[in-house]
Amino acid sequence: MVAGDFLGRLVPRLGLFNFIEGGIDHLILGVHHVNEFAPNPMTYDLAFQGSGVILLVVGWMIIRSTTTKLRNSS
């Protein structure tokens, strides 16, 4: 259960970082892009945003399954 709890806390934080950093640096400020040399760098920037959302959802699912297992074991 410890590994699930660790991953459940780590994965959504990584997703949140990707989402916030990508939103600010890539989309709002345009400081840099995920792929500077692509014909359309916005595609890569939006895919990066999507990966952040996916990591948030997967982390939430891990947290939910871990807490459910802990409740059922006691």
Protein backbone atom coordinates (compact mmCIF):
# COMPACT_ATOMS: atom_id res chain seq x y z
CA MET A 1 0.00 0.00 0.00
CA VAL A 2 2.90 2.34 0.57
CA ALA A 3 3.92 2.34 -3.10
CA GLY A 4 0.35 3.09 -4.17
CA ASP A 5 0.13 5.93 -1.70
CA PHE A 6 3.47 7.35 -2.89
CA LEU A 7 2.46 7.16 -6.56
CA GLY A 8 -0.96 8.55 -5.74
CA ARG A 9 0.68 11.62 -4.29
CA LEU A 10 3.46 11.96 -6.88
CA VAL A 11 1.59 11.51 -10.17
CA PRO A 12 -1.04 14.25 -9.72
CA ARG A 13 1.62 16.69 -8.59
CA LEU A 14 3.60 16.03 -11.75
CA GLY A 15 0.42 16.51 -13.77
CA LEU A 16 -0.40 19.74 -11.99
CA PHE A 17 3.12 21.03 -12.62
CA ASN A 18 2.87 20.16 -16.32
CA PHE A 19 -0.51 21.82 -16.61
CA ILE A 20 0.42 25.04 -14.80
CA GLU A 21 3.93 25.39 -16.27
CA GLY A 22 2.66 24.59 -19.75
CA GLY A 23 -0.21 27.01 -19.45
CA ILE A 24 1.93 29.88 -18.24
CA ASP A 25 5.20 29.38 -20.14
CA HIS A 26 3.94 27.82 -23.36
CA LEU A 27 0.48 29.24 -23.93
CA ILE A 28 0.24 32.57 -22.08
CA LEU A 29 3.78 33.97 -22.13
CA GLY A 30 5.17 32.03 -25.09
CA VAL A 31 8.57 31.87 -23.37
CA HIS A 32 9.36 28.55 -25.01
CA HIS A 33 7.55 25.69 -26.69
CA VAL A 34 7.75 21.92 -26.30
CA ASN A 35 9.06 21.60 -29.86
CA GLU A 36 10.45 24.87 -31.18
CA PHE A 37 11.20 23.50 -34.66
CA ALA A 38 7.80 21.98 -35.44
CA PRO A 39 5.73 23.58 -38.20
CA ASN A 40 2.98 24.11 -35.62
CA PRO A 41 4.43 24.21 -32.07
CA MET A 42 0.97 24.80 -30.59
CA THR A 43 0.09 21.16 -31.31
CA TYR A 44 2.92 19.98 -29.07
CA ASP A 45 2.07 22.55 -26.41
CA LEU A 46 -1.54 21.36 -26.28
CA ALA A 47 -0.42 17.73 -26.14
CA PHE A 48 1.77 18.69 -23.17
CA GLN A 49 -1.28 20.24 -21.52
CA GLY A 50 -3.22 17.06 -22.21
CA SER A 51 -0.50 14.95 -20.60
CA GLY A 52 -0.83 17.06 -17.47
CA VAL A 53 -4.57 16.44 -17.34
CA ILE A 54 -4.07 12.71 -17.91
CA LEU A 55 -1.52 12.54 -15.08
CA LEU A 56 -3.95 14.35 -12.78
CA VAL A 57 -6.73 11.89 -13.58
CA VAL A 58 -4.49 8.82 -13.22
CA GLY A 59 -3.16 10.12 -9.90
CA TRP A 60 -6.68 10.73 -8.65
CA MET A 61 -7.62 7.17 -9.64
CA ILE A 62 -4.60 5.77 -7.76
CA ILE A 63 -5.47 7.78 -4.65
CA ARG A 64 -9.08 6.65 -4.86
CA SER A 65 -8.19 2.96 -5.23
CA THR A 66 -5.61 3.12 -2.44
CA THR A 67 -8.00 4.75 0.04
CA THR A 68 -10.73 2.27 -0.90
CA LYS A 69 -8.38 -0.66 -0.23
CA LEU A 70 -7.33 0.87 3.10
CA ARG A 71 -10.96 1.31 4.18
CA ASN A 72 -11.88 -2.23 3.23
CA SER A 73 -8.86 -3.79 4.99
CA SER A 74 -9.70 -2.32 8.39
